[in-house]
Amino acid sequence: MVNYNDENLNDVFQALSDPTRREIIRSLAASEMTVMNLAKPFDMSLPAISKHLKVMEKAGLVSVRKEGTYRYYYLNPQAIENAQEWLVDLRKFWTAQVFNLEQFLETQSKED
């Protein structure tokens, strides 16, 4: 398997483990947004949304652009791509393991 930055992957998966943050990602997939706009669909305060965004920013999932007094958040696809590559490699490993098990079981059943 490819050697990945485990600390960053831990941050990404920890950030993605929260349903609110996954919903924020869905919103940001459409376009960049301010904290106020991101908070509208949730029953939580702006500071609570900001805390979620800080976790996501630390993980590299989102970045921020300042324009005057506004802060616009947008997705950083590289963090997701790294996690996806890790998952694809893991899937390849398990697919090979299942194939080897199938081959072994077929051999065993022919010998019986």
PDB file of N, CA and C in Angstrom:
ATOM      1  N   MET A   1       0.837  -1.186   0.000  1.00  0.00           N
ATOM      2  CA  MET A   1       0.000   0.000   0.000  1.00  0.00           C
ATOM      3  C   MET A   1       0.879   1.247   0.000  1.00  0.00           C
ATOM      4  N   VAL A   2       0.343   2.323  -0.533  1.00  0.00           N
ATOM      5  CA  VAL A   2       1.051   3.591  -0.587  1.00  0.00           C
ATOM      6  C   VAL A   2       1.178   4.150   0.823  1.00  0.00           C
ATOM      7  N   ASN A   3       2.269   4.841   1.111  1.00  0.00           N
ATOM      8  CA  ASN A   3       2.488   5.444   2.416  1.00  0.00           C
ATOM      9  C   ASN A   3       1.782   6.805   2.453  1.00  0.00           C
ATOM     10  N   TYR A   4       0.830   6.973   3.349  1.00  0.00           N
ATOM     11  CA  TYR A   4       0.049   8.194   3.452  1.00  0.00           C
ATOM     12  C   TYR A   4       0.410   8.945   4.721  1.00  0.00           C
ATOM     13  N   ASN A   5       0.072  10.224   4.756  1.00  0.00           N
ATOM     14  CA  ASN A   5       0.234  11.032   5.951  1.00  0.00           C
ATOM     15  C   ASN A   5      -0.890  10.655   6.909  1.00  0.00           C
ATOM     16  N   ASP A   6      -0.592   9.763   7.853  1.00  0.00           N
ATOM     17  CA  ASP A   6      -1.618   9.245   8.758  1.00  0.00           C
ATOM     18  C   ASP A   6      -2.283  10.325   9.588  1.00  0.00           C
ATOM     19  N   GLU A   7      -1.508  11.318  10.027  1.00  0.00           N
ATOM     20  CA  GLU A   7      -2.091  12.372  10.845  1.00  0.00           C
ATOM     21  C   GLU A   7      -3.161  13.123  10.066  1.00  0.00           C
ATOM     22  N   ASN A   8      -2.864  13.442   8.804  1.00  0.00           N
ATOM     23  CA  ASN A   8      -3.857  14.138   7.990  1.00  0.00           C
ATOM     24  C   ASN A   8      -5.066  13.263   7.727  1.00  0.00           C
ATOM     25  N   LEU A   9      -4.841  11.974   7.439  1.00  0.00           N
ATOM     26  CA  LEU A   9      -5.977  11.070   7.225  1.00  0.00           C
ATOM     27  C   LEU A   9      -6.826  10.962   8.475  1.00  0.00           C
ATOM     28  N   ASN A  10      -6.194  10.913   9.638  1.00  0.00           N
ATOM     29  CA  ASN A  10      -6.950  10.883  10.894  1.00  0.00           C
ATOM     30  C   ASN A  10      -7.823  12.120  11.025  1.00  0.00           C
ATOM     31  N   ASP A  11      -7.257  13.281  10.710  1.00  0.00           N
ATOM     32  CA  ASP A  11      -8.021  14.529  10.789  1.00  0.00           C
ATOM     33  C   ASP A  11      -9.193  14.525   9.806  1.00  0.00           C
ATOM     34  N   VAL A  12      -8.949  14.050   8.589  1.00  0.00           N
ATOM     35  CA  VAL A  12     -10.007  14.019   7.571  1.00  0.00           C
ATOM     36  C   VAL A  12     -11.132  13.091   8.004  1.00  0.00           C
ATOM     37  N   PHE A  13     -10.800  11.866   8.411  1.00  0.00           N
ATOM     38  CA  PHE A  13     -11.849  10.925   8.794  1.00  0.00           C
ATOM     39  C   PHE A  13     -12.563  11.361  10.074  1.00  0.00           C
ATOM     40  N   GLN A  14     -11.838  11.989  10.988  1.00  0.00           N
ATOM     41  CA  GLN A  14     -12.480  12.503  12.195  1.00  0.00           C
ATOM     42  C   GLN A  14     -13.451  13.626  11.827  1.00  0.00           C
ATOM     43  N   ALA A  15     -13.047  14.494  10.912  1.00  0.00           N
ATOM     44  CA  ALA A  15     -13.934  15.573  10.477  1.00  0.00           C
ATOM     45  C   ALA A  15     -15.164  15.023   9.761  1.00  0.00           C
ATOM     46  N   LEU A  16     -14.961  13.996   8.933  1.00  0.00           N
ATOM     47  CA  LEU A  16     -16.075  13.415   8.179  1.00  0.00           C
ATOM     48  C   LEU A  16     -17.003  12.563   9.040  1.00  0.00           C
ATOM     49  N   SER A  17     -16.582  12.245  10.243  1.00  0.00           N
ATOM     50  CA  SER A  17     -17.403  11.384  11.103  1.00  0.00           C
ATOM     51  C   SER A  17     -18.629  12.098  11.657  1.00  0.00           C
ATOM     52  N   ASP A  18     -18.644  13.397  11.583  1.00  0.00           N
ATOM     53  CA  ASP A  18     -19.761  14.170  12.132  1.00  0.00           C
ATOM     54  C   ASP A  18     -20.790  14.489  11.049  1.00  0.00           C
ATOM     55  N   PRO A  19     -22.089  14.189  11.299  1.00  0.00           N
ATOM     56  CA  PRO A  19     -23.113  14.436  10.274  1.00  0.00           C
ATOM     57  C   PRO A  19     -23.279  15.913   9.919  1.00  0.00           C
ATOM     58  N   THR A  20     -23.077  16.800  10.875  1.00  0.00           N
ATOM     59  CA  THR A  20     -23.186  18.230  10.572  1.00  0.00           C
ATOM     60  C   THR A  20     -22.099  18.643   9.593  1.00  0.00           C
ATOM     61  N   ARG A  21     -20.895  18.170   9.822  1.00  0.00           N
ATOM     62  CA  ARG A  21     -19.800  18.527   8.919  1.00  0.00           C
ATOM     63  C   ARG A  21     -19.992  17.918   7.531  1.00  0.00           C
ATOM     64  N   ARG A  22     -20.543  16.717   7.478  1.00  0.00           N
ATOM     65  CA  ARG A  22     -20.822  16.128   6.149  1.00  0.00           C
ATOM     66  C   ARG A  22     -21.877  16.966   5.420  1.00  0.00           C
ATOM     67  N   GLU A  23     -22.838  17.478   6.147  1.00  0.00           N
ATOM     68  CA  GLU A  23     -23.870  18.319   5.522  1.00  0.00           C
ATOM     69  C   GLU A  23     -23.271  19.646   5.057  1.00  0.00           C
ATOM     70  N   ILE A  24     -22.344  20.191   5.840  1.00  0.00           N
ATOM     71  CA  ILE A  24     -21.656  21.419   5.429  1.00  0.00           C
ATOM     72  C   ILE A  24     -20.882  21.170   4.140  1.00  0.00           C
ATOM     73  N   ILE A  25     -20.239  20.020   4.048  1.00  0.00           N
ATOM     74  CA  ILE A  25     -19.512  19.683   2.818  1.00  0.00           C
ATOM     75  C   ILE A  25     -20.461  19.622   1.629  1.00  0.00           C
ATOM     76  N   ARG A  26     -21.635  19.022   1.831  1.00  0.00           N
ATOM     77  CA  ARG A  26     -22.628  18.977   0.739  1.00  0.00           C
ATOM     78  C   ARG A  26     -23.009  20.386   0.299  1.00  0.00           C
ATOM     79  N   SER A  27     -23.179  21.280   1.266  1.00  0.00           N
ATOM     80  CA  SER A  27     -23.536  22.662   0.934  1.00  0.00           C
ATOM     81  C   SER A  27     -22.413  23.348   0.169  1.00  0.00           C
ATOM     82  N   LEU A  28     -21.181  23.137   0.631  1.00  0.00           N
ATOM     83  CA  LEU A  28     -20.040  23.778  -0.026  1.00  0.00           C
ATOM     84  C   LEU A  28     -19.739  23.172  -1.389  1.00  0.00           C
ATOM     85  N   ALA A  29     -20.236  21.979  -1.642  1.00  0.00           N
ATOM     86  CA  ALA A  29     -20.042  21.371  -2.960  1.00  0.00           C
ATOM     87  C   ALA A  29     -20.768  22.179  -4.031  1.00  0.00           C
ATOM     88  N   ALA A  30     -21.824  22.881  -3.626  1.00  0.00           N
ATOM     89  CA  ALA A  30     -22.577  23.701  -4.583  1.00  0.00           C
ATOM     90  C   ALA A  30     -21.865  25.018  -4.859  1.00  0.00           C
ATOM     91  N   SER A  31     -21.362  25.665  -3.806  1.00  0.00           N
ATOM     92  CA  SER A  31     -20.649  26.932  -3.967  1.00  0.00           C
ATOM     93  C   SER A  31     -20.040  27.349  -2.641  1.00  0.00           C
ATOM     94  N   GLU A  32     -19.117  28.308  -2.718  1.00  0.00           N
ATOM     95  CA  GLU A  32     -18.539  28.824  -1.490  1.00  0.00           C
ATOM     96  C   GLU A  32     -19.609  29.594  -0.725  1.00  0.00           C
ATOM     97  N   MET A  33     -19.475  29.619   0.606  1.00  0.00           N
ATOM     98  CA  MET A  33     -20.516  30.235   1.432  1.00  0.00           C
ATOM     99  C   MET A  33     -19.906  30.889   2.667  1.00  0.00           C
ATOM    100  N   THR A  34     -20.639  31.841   3.223  1.00  0.00           N
ATOM    101  CA  THR A  34     -20.251  32.449   4.492  1.00  0.00           C
ATOM    102  C   THR A  34     -20.753  31.576   5.639  1.00  0.00           C
ATOM    103  N   VAL A  35     -20.234  31.826   6.833  1.00  0.00           N
ATOM    104  CA  VAL A  35     -20.676  31.079   8.012  1.00  0.00           C
ATOM    105  C   VAL A  35     -22.175  31.279   8.211  1.00  0.00           C
ATOM    106  N   MET A  36     -22.650  32.492   8.023  1.00  0.00           N
ATOM    107  CA  MET A  36     -24.076  32.776   8.222  1.00  0.00           C
ATOM    108  C   MET A  36     -24.938  31.942   7.280  1.00  0.00           C
ATOM    109  N   ASN A  37     -24.546  31.855   6.029  1.00  0.00           N
ATOM    110  CA  ASN A  37     -25.314  31.050   5.073  1.00  0.00           C
ATOM    111  C   ASN A  37     -25.205  29.558   5.375  1.00  0.00           C
ATOM    112  N   LEU A  38     -24.028  29.124   5.814  1.00  0.00           N
ATOM    113  CA  LEU A  38     -23.859  27.714   6.173  1.00  0.00           C
ATOM    114  C   LEU A  38     -24.701  27.344   7.384  1.00  0.00           C
ATOM    115  N   ALA A  39     -24.912  28.287   8.291  1.00  0.00           N
ATOM    116  CA  ALA A  39     -25.642  28.013   9.535  1.00  0.00           C
ATOM    117  C   ALA A  39     -27.151  27.942   9.342  1.00  0.00           C
ATOM    118  N   LYS A  40     -27.684  28.517   8.286  1.00  0.00           N
ATOM    119  CA  LYS A  40     -29.144  28.609   8.096  1.00  0.00           C
ATOM    120  C   LYS A  40     -29.888  27.286   8.261  1.00  0.00           C
ATOM    121  N   PRO A  41     -29.444  26.185   7.648  1.00  0.00           N
ATOM    122  CA  PRO A  41     -30.231  24.952   7.763  1.00  0.00           C
ATOM    123  C   PRO A  41     -30.103  24.244   9.123  1.00  0.00           C
ATOM    124  N   PHE A  42     -29.219  24.736   9.999  1.00  0.00           N
ATOM    125  CA  PHE A  42     -28.960  24.049  11.264  1.00  0.00           C
ATOM    126  C   PHE A  42     -29.560  24.813  12.433  1.00  0.00           C
ATOM    127  N   ASP A  43     -29.939  24.074  13.446  1.00  0.00           N
ATOM    128  CA  ASP A  43     -30.442  24.667  14.677  1.00  0.00           C
ATOM    129  C   ASP A  43     -29.282  24.798  15.655  1.00  0.00           C
ATOM    130  N   MET A  44     -28.317  25.647  15.275  1.00  0.00           N
ATOM    131  CA  MET A  44     -27.164  25.870  16.147  1.00  0.00           C
ATOM    132  C   MET A  44     -26.632  27.282  15.922  1.00  0.00           C
ATOM    133  N   SER A  45     -25.811  27.716  16.855  1.00  0.00           N
ATOM    134  CA  SER A  45     -25.281  29.079  16.817  1.00  0.00           C
ATOM    135  C   SER A  45     -24.181  29.220  15.766  1.00  0.00           C
ATOM    136  N   LEU A  46     -23.890  30.470  15.419  1.00  0.00           N
ATOM    137  CA  LEU A  46     -22.782  30.731  14.494  1.00  0.00           C
ATOM    138  C   LEU A  46     -21.443  30.273  15.076  1.00  0.00           C
ATOM    139  N   PRO A  47     -21.195  30.477  16.400  1.00  0.00           N
ATOM    140  CA  PRO A  47     -19.936  29.949  16.945  1.00  0.00           C
ATOM    141  C   PRO A  47     -19.831  28.422  16.831  1.00  0.00           C
ATOM    142  N   ALA A  48     -20.946  27.717  16.956  1.00  0.00           N
ATOM    143  CA  ALA A  48     -20.915  26.254  16.815  1.00  0.00           C
ATOM    144  C   ALA A  48     -20.548  25.857  15.387  1.00  0.00           C
ATOM    145  N   ILE A  49     -21.123  26.545  14.415  1.00  0.00           N
ATOM    146  CA  ILE A  49     -20.785  26.278  13.008  1.00  0.00           C
ATOM    147  C   ILE A  49     -19.315  26.616  12.772  1.00  0.00           C
ATOM    148  N   SER A  50     -18.853  27.717  13.361  1.00  0.00           N
ATOM    149  CA  SER A  50     -17.448  28.106  13.216  1.00  0.00           C
ATOM    150  C   SER A  50     -16.516  27.041  13.774  1.00  0.00           C
ATOM    151  N   LYS A  51     -16.896  26.415  14.883  1.00  0.00           N
ATOM    152  CA  LYS A  51     -16.074  25.341  15.442  1.00  0.00           C
ATOM    153  C   LYS A  51     -15.988  24.167  14.469  1.00  0.00           C
ATOM    154  N   HIS A  52     -17.121  23.820  13.861  1.00  0.00           N
ATOM    155  CA  HIS A  52     -17.107  22.746  12.859  1.00  0.00           C
ATOM    156  C   HIS A  52     -16.181  23.119  11.702  1.00  0.00           C
ATOM    157  N   LEU A  53     -16.257  24.364  11.261  1.00  0.00           N
ATOM    158  CA  LEU A  53     -15.420  24.804  10.150  1.00  0.00           C
ATOM    159  C   LEU A  53     -13.933  24.780  10.519  1.00  0.00           C
ATOM    160  N   LYS A  54     -13.600  25.090  11.766  1.00  0.00           N
ATOM    161  CA  LYS A  54     -12.201  25.038  12.203  1.00  0.00           C
ATOM    162  C   LYS A  54     -11.672  23.599  12.146  1.00  0.00           C
ATOM    163  N   VAL A  55     -12.503  22.646  12.565  1.00  0.00           N
ATOM    164  CA  VAL A  55     -12.101  21.231  12.482  1.00  0.00           C
ATOM    165  C   VAL A  55     -11.869  20.847  11.029  1.00  0.00           C
ATOM    166  N   MET A  56     -12.775  21.281  10.164  1.00  0.00           N
ATOM    167  CA  MET A  56     -12.664  20.952   8.746  1.00  0.00           C
ATOM    168  C   MET A  56     -11.466  21.654   8.099  1.00  0.00           C
ATOM    169  N   GLU A  57     -11.200  22.875   8.536  1.00  0.00           N
ATOM    170  CA  GLU A  57     -10.051  23.619   8.004  1.00  0.00           C
ATOM    171  C   GLU A  57      -8.744  22.961   8.451  1.00  0.00           C
ATOM    172  N   LYS A  58      -8.675  22.528   9.709  1.00  0.00           N
ATOM    173  CA  LYS A  58      -7.487  21.837  10.216  1.00  0.00           C
ATOM    174  C   LYS A  58      -7.220  20.563   9.418  1.00  0.00           C
ATOM    175  N   ALA A  59      -8.287  19.870   9.034  1.00  0.00           N
ATOM    176  CA  ALA A  59      -8.159  18.638   8.255  1.00  0.00           C
ATOM    177  C   ALA A  59      -7.840  18.918   6.789  1.00  0.00           C
ATOM    178  N   GLY A  60      -7.936  20.174   6.386  1.00  0.00           N
ATOM    179  CA  GLY A  60      -7.658  20.527   5.000  1.00  0.00           C
ATOM    180  C   GLY A  60      -8.853  20.347   4.084  1.00  0.00           C
ATOM    181  N   LEU A  61     -10.025  20.091   4.660  1.00  0.00           N
ATOM    182  CA  LEU A  61     -11.216  19.870   3.833  1.00  0.00           C
ATOM    183  C   LEU A  61     -11.776  21.167   3.267  1.00  0.00           C
ATOM    184  N   VAL A  62     -11.631  22.252   4.011  1.00  0.00           N
ATOM    185  CA  VAL A  62     -12.127  23.543   3.549  1.00  0.00           C
ATOM    186  C   VAL A  62     -11.020  24.585   3.680  1.00  0.00           C
ATOM    187  N   SER A  63     -11.148  25.617   2.882  1.00  0.00           N
ATOM    188  CA  SER A  63     -10.269  26.785   2.955  1.00  0.00           C
ATOM    189  C   SER A  63     -11.162  28.005   3.046  1.00  0.00           C
ATOM    190  N   VAL A  64     -10.553  29.125   3.399  1.00  0.00           N
ATOM    191  CA  VAL A  64     -11.327  30.353   3.575  1.00  0.00           C
ATOM    192  C   VAL A  64     -10.712  31.473   2.742  1.00  0.00           C
ATOM    193  N   ARG A  65     -11.603  32.291   2.221  1.00  0.00           N
ATOM    194  CA  ARG A  65     -11.198  33.466   1.440  1.00  0.00           C
ATOM    195  C   ARG A  65     -11.850  34.670   2.095  1.00  0.00           C
ATOM    196  N   LYS A  66     -11.064  35.689   2.397  1.00  0.00           N
ATOM    197  CA  LYS A  66     -11.600  36.902   3.027  1.00  0.00           C
ATOM    198  C   LYS A  66     -11.874  37.945   1.961  1.00  0.00           C
ATOM    199  N   GLU A  67     -13.047  38.533   2.064  1.00  0.00           N
ATOM    200  CA  GLU A  67     -13.416  39.628   1.164  1.00  0.00           C
ATOM    201  C   GLU A  67     -14.098  40.689   2.024  1.00  0.00           C
ATOM    202  N   GLY A  68     -13.385  41.740   2.310  1.00  0.00           N
ATOM    203  CA  GLY A  68     -13.903  42.761   3.223  1.00  0.00           C
ATOM    204  C   GLY A  68     -14.073  42.157   4.606  1.00  0.00           C
ATOM    205  N   THR A  69     -15.279  42.263   5.160  1.00  0.00           N
ATOM    206  CA  THR A  69     -15.548  41.691   6.479  1.00  0.00           C
ATOM    207  C   THR A  69     -16.085  40.270   6.388  1.00  0.00           C
ATOM    208  N   TYR A  70     -16.277  39.784   5.185  1.00  0.00           N
ATOM    209  CA  TYR A  70     -16.838  38.444   5.003  1.00  0.00           C
ATOM    210  C   TYR A  70     -15.741  37.406   4.823  1.00  0.00           C
ATOM    211  N   ARG A  71     -16.024  36.212   5.333  1.00  0.00           N
ATOM    212  CA  ARG A  71     -15.140  35.058   5.153  1.00  0.00           C
ATOM    213  C   ARG A  71     -15.934  34.011   4.370  1.00  0.00           C
ATOM    214  N   TYR A  72     -15.441  33.677   3.201  1.00  0.00           N
ATOM    215  CA  TYR A  72     -16.097  32.697   2.349  1.00  0.00           C
ATOM    216  C   TYR A  72     -15.354  31.367   2.448  1.00  0.00           C
ATOM    217  N   TYR A  73     -16.088  30.325   2.782  1.00  0.00           N
ATOM    218  CA  TYR A  73     -15.514  28.984   2.885  1.00  0.00           C
ATOM    219  C   TYR A  73     -15.783  28.230   1.596  1.00  0.00           C
ATOM    220  N   TYR A  74     -14.810  27.422   1.198  1.00  0.00           N
ATOM    221  CA  TYR A  74     -14.946  26.603   0.002  1.00  0.00           C
ATOM    222  C   TYR A  74     -14.206  25.287   0.218  1.00  0.00           C
ATOM    223  N   LEU A  75     -14.584  24.291  -0.565  1.00  0.00           N
ATOM    224  CA  LEU A  75     -13.982  22.960  -0.430  1.00  0.00           C
ATOM    225  C   LEU A  75     -12.571  22.930  -0.989  1.00  0.00           C
ATOM    226  N   ASN A  76     -11.740  22.146  -0.333  1.00  0.00           N
ATOM    227  CA  ASN A  76     -10.394  21.853  -0.809  1.00  0.00           C
ATOM    228  C   ASN A  76     -10.411  20.388  -1.228  1.00  0.00           C
ATOM    229  N   PRO A  77     -10.529  20.101  -2.506  1.00  0.00           N
ATOM    230  CA  PRO A  77     -10.696  18.708  -2.947  1.00  0.00           C
ATOM    231  C   PRO A  77      -9.505  17.805  -2.687  1.00  0.00           C
ATOM    232  N   GLN A  78      -8.313  18.353  -2.471  1.00  0.00           N
ATOM    233  CA  GLN A  78      -7.128  17.514  -2.289  1.00  0.00           C
ATOM    234  C   GLN A  78      -7.255  16.608  -1.068  1.00  0.00           C
ATOM    235  N   ALA A  79      -7.817  17.119   0.025  1.00  0.00           N
ATOM    236  CA  ALA A  79      -7.949  16.302   1.243  1.00  0.00           C
ATOM    237  C   ALA A  79      -8.859  15.107   0.995  1.00  0.00           C
ATOM    238  N   ILE A  80      -9.946  15.319   0.277  1.00  0.00           N
ATOM    239  CA  ILE A  80     -10.868  14.228  -0.039  1.00  0.00           C
ATOM    240  C   ILE A  80     -10.196  13.241  -0.987  1.00  0.00           C
ATOM    241  N   GLU A  81      -9.441  13.757  -1.948  1.00  0.00           N
ATOM    242  CA  GLU A  81      -8.762  12.872  -2.903  1.00  0.00           C
ATOM    243  C   GLU A  81      -7.761  11.968  -2.191  1.00  0.00           C
ATOM    244  N   ASN A  82      -7.029  12.510  -1.211  1.00  0.00           N
ATOM    245  CA  ASN A  82      -6.083  11.687  -0.462  1.00  0.00           C
ATOM    246  C   ASN A  82      -6.808  10.581   0.304  1.00  0.00           C
ATOM    247  N   ALA A  83      -7.917  10.923   0.937  1.00  0.00           N
ATOM    248  CA  ALA A  83      -8.700   9.921   1.669  1.00  0.00           C
ATOM    249  C   ALA A  83      -9.261   8.883   0.700  1.00  0.00           C
ATOM    250  N   GLN A  84      -9.720   9.342  -0.447  1.00  0.00           N
ATOM    251  CA  GLN A  84     -10.273   8.420  -1.436  1.00  0.00           C
ATOM    252  C   GLN A  84      -9.190   7.465  -1.945  1.00  0.00           C
ATOM    253  N   GLU A  85      -7.995   7.963  -2.186  1.00  0.00           N
ATOM    254  CA  GLU A  85      -6.896   7.097  -2.626  1.00  0.00           C
ATOM    255  C   GLU A  85      -6.601   6.033  -1.576  1.00  0.00           C
ATOM    256  N   TRP A  86      -6.625   6.425  -0.307  1.00  0.00           N
ATOM    257  CA  TRP A  86      -6.373   5.480   0.780  1.00  0.00           C
ATOM    258  C   TRP A  86      -7.452   4.400   0.780  1.00  0.00           C
ATOM    259  N   LEU A  87      -8.711   4.812   0.616  1.00  0.00           N
ATOM    260  CA  LEU A  87      -9.810   3.848   0.597  1.00  0.00           C
ATOM    261  C   LEU A  87      -9.725   2.916  -0.609  1.00  0.00           C
ATOM    262  N   VAL A  88      -9.331   3.453  -1.764  1.00  0.00           N
ATOM    263  CA  VAL A  88      -9.187   2.622  -2.966  1.00  0.00           C
ATOM    264  C   VAL A  88      -8.096   1.583  -2.748  1.00  0.00           C
ATOM    265  N   ASP A  89      -6.971   2.000  -2.171  1.00  0.00           N
ATOM    266  CA  ASP A  89      -5.898   1.041  -1.888  1.00  0.00           C
ATOM    267  C   ASP A  89      -6.357  -0.022  -0.903  1.00  0.00           C
ATOM    268  N   LEU A  90      -7.098   0.379   0.102  1.00  0.00           N
ATOM    269  CA  LEU A  90      -7.618  -0.576   1.078  1.00  0.00           C
ATOM    270  C   LEU A  90      -8.575  -1.559   0.413  1.00  0.00           C
ATOM    271  N   ARG A  91      -9.401  -1.043  -0.478  1.00  0.00           N
ATOM    272  CA  ARG A  91     -10.339  -1.916  -1.195  1.00  0.00           C
ATOM    273  C   ARG A  91      -9.585  -2.928  -2.064  1.00  0.00           C
ATOM    274  N   LYS A  92      -8.537  -2.471  -2.734  1.00  0.00           N
ATOM    275  CA  LYS A  92      -7.729  -3.390  -3.558  1.00  0.00           C
ATOM    276  C   LYS A  92      -7.154  -4.506  -2.695  1.00  0.00           C
ATOM    277  N   PHE A  93      -6.655  -4.141  -1.514  1.00  0.00           N
ATOM    278  CA  PHE A  93      -6.093  -5.138  -0.605  1.00  0.00           C
ATOM    279  C   PHE A  93      -7.154  -6.163  -0.235  1.00  0.00           C
ATOM    280  N   TRP A  94      -8.329  -5.711   0.185  1.00  0.00           N
ATOM    281  CA  TRP A  94      -9.371  -6.645   0.621  1.00  0.00           C
ATOM    282  C   TRP A  94      -9.949  -7.447  -0.533  1.00  0.00           C
ATOM    283  N   THR A  95     -10.013  -6.862  -1.715  1.00  0.00           N
ATOM    284  CA  THR A  95     -10.471  -7.607  -2.884  1.00  0.00           C
ATOM    285  C   THR A  95      -9.507  -8.749  -3.174  1.00  0.00           C
ATOM    286  N   ALA A  96      -8.216  -8.473  -3.081  1.00  0.00           N
ATOM    287  CA  ALA A  96      -7.215  -9.529  -3.303  1.00  0.00           C
ATOM    288  C   ALA A  96      -7.329 -10.608  -2.227  1.00  0.00           C
ATOM    289  N   GLN A  97      -7.570 -10.210  -0.989  1.00  0.00           N
ATOM    290  CA  GLN A  97      -7.706 -11.173   0.098  1.00  0.00           C
ATOM    291  C   GLN A  97      -8.922 -12.073  -0.116  1.00  0.00           C
ATOM    292  N   VAL A  98     -10.027 -11.499  -0.535  1.00  0.00           N
ATOM    293  CA  VAL A  98     -11.236 -12.288  -0.788  1.00  0.00           C
ATOM    294  C   VAL A  98     -11.003 -13.232  -1.965  1.00  0.00           C
ATOM    295  N   PHE A  99     -10.341 -12.752  -3.015  1.00  0.00           N
ATOM    296  CA  PHE A  99     -10.032 -13.603  -4.159  1.00  0.00           C
ATOM    297  C   PHE A  99      -9.173 -14.797  -3.724  1.00  0.00           C
ATOM    298  N   ASN A 100      -8.152 -14.522  -2.915  1.00  0.00           N
ATOM    299  CA  ASN A 100      -7.277 -15.605  -2.436  1.00  0.00           C
ATOM    300  C   ASN A 100      -8.058 -16.597  -1.582  1.00  0.00           C
ATOM    301  N   LEU A 101      -8.956 -16.114  -0.770  1.00  0.00           N
ATOM    302  CA  LEU A 101      -9.783 -16.995   0.050  1.00  0.00           C
ATOM    303  C   LEU A 101     -10.687 -17.851  -0.832  1.00  0.00           C
ATOM    304  N   GLU A 102     -11.278 -17.250  -1.849  1.00  0.00           N
ATOM    305  CA  GLU A 102     -12.124 -18.013  -2.778  1.00  0.00           C
ATOM    306  C   GLU A 102     -11.321 -19.121  -3.456  1.00  0.00           C
ATOM    307  N   GLN A 103     -10.111 -18.774  -3.898  1.00  0.00           N
ATOM    308  CA  GLN A 103      -9.260 -19.764  -4.550  1.00  0.00           C
ATOM    309  C   GLN A 103      -8.923 -20.903  -3.584  1.00  0.00           C
ATOM    310  N   PHE A 104      -8.611 -20.568  -2.359  1.00  0.00           N
ATOM    311  CA  PHE A 104      -8.289 -21.568  -1.354  1.00  0.00           C
ATOM    312  C   PHE A 104      -9.488 -22.473  -1.097  1.00  0.00           C
ATOM    313  N   LEU A 105     -10.658 -21.888  -0.951  1.00  0.00           N
ATOM    314  CA  LEU A 105     -11.856 -22.680  -0.669  1.00  0.00           C
ATOM    315  C   LEU A 105     -12.213 -23.588  -1.840  1.00  0.00           C
ATOM    316  N   GLU A 106     -12.031 -23.089  -3.059  1.00  0.00           N
ATOM    317  CA  GLU A 106     -12.285 -23.931  -4.233  1.00  0.00           C
ATOM    318  C   GLU A 106     -11.325 -25.121  -4.253  1.00  0.00           C
ATOM    319  N   THR A 107     -10.066 -24.857  -3.947  1.00  0.00           N
ATOM    320  CA  THR A 107      -9.080 -25.928  -3.904  1.00  0.00           C
ATOM    321  C   THR A 107      -9.439 -26.947  -2.834  1.00  0.00           C
ATOM    322  N   GLN A 108      -9.864 -26.478  -1.690  1.00  0.00           N
ATOM    323  CA  GLN A 108     -10.233 -27.360  -0.584  1.00  0.00           C
ATOM    324  C   GLN A 108     -11.454 -28.215  -0.933  1.00  0.00           C
ATOM    325  N   SER A 109     -12.430 -27.601  -1.592  1.00  0.00           N
ATOM    326  CA  SER A 109     -13.646 -28.357  -1.931  1.00  0.00           C
ATOM    327  C   SER A 109     -13.364 -29.404  -3.020  1.00  0.00           C
ATOM    328  N   LYS A 110     -12.406 -29.153  -3.906  1.00  0.00           N
ATOM    329  CA  LYS A 110     -12.028 -30.135  -4.930  1.00  0.00           C
ATOM    330  C   LYS A 110     -11.266 -31.307  -4.321  1.00  0.00           C
ATOM    331  N   GLU A 111     -10.528 -31.039  -3.253  1.00  0.00           N
ATOM    332  CA  GLU A 111      -9.762 -32.101  -2.604  1.00  0.00           C
ATOM    333  C   GLU A 111     -10.639 -33.007  -1.768  1.00  0.00           C
ATOM    334  N   ASP A 112     -11.789 -32.512  -1.324  1.00  0.00           N
ATOM    335  CA  ASP A 112     -12.679 -33.330  -0.491  1.00  0.00           C
ATOM    336  C   ASP A 112     -13.501 -34.310  -1.272  1.00  0.00           C
TER     337      ASP A 112
END
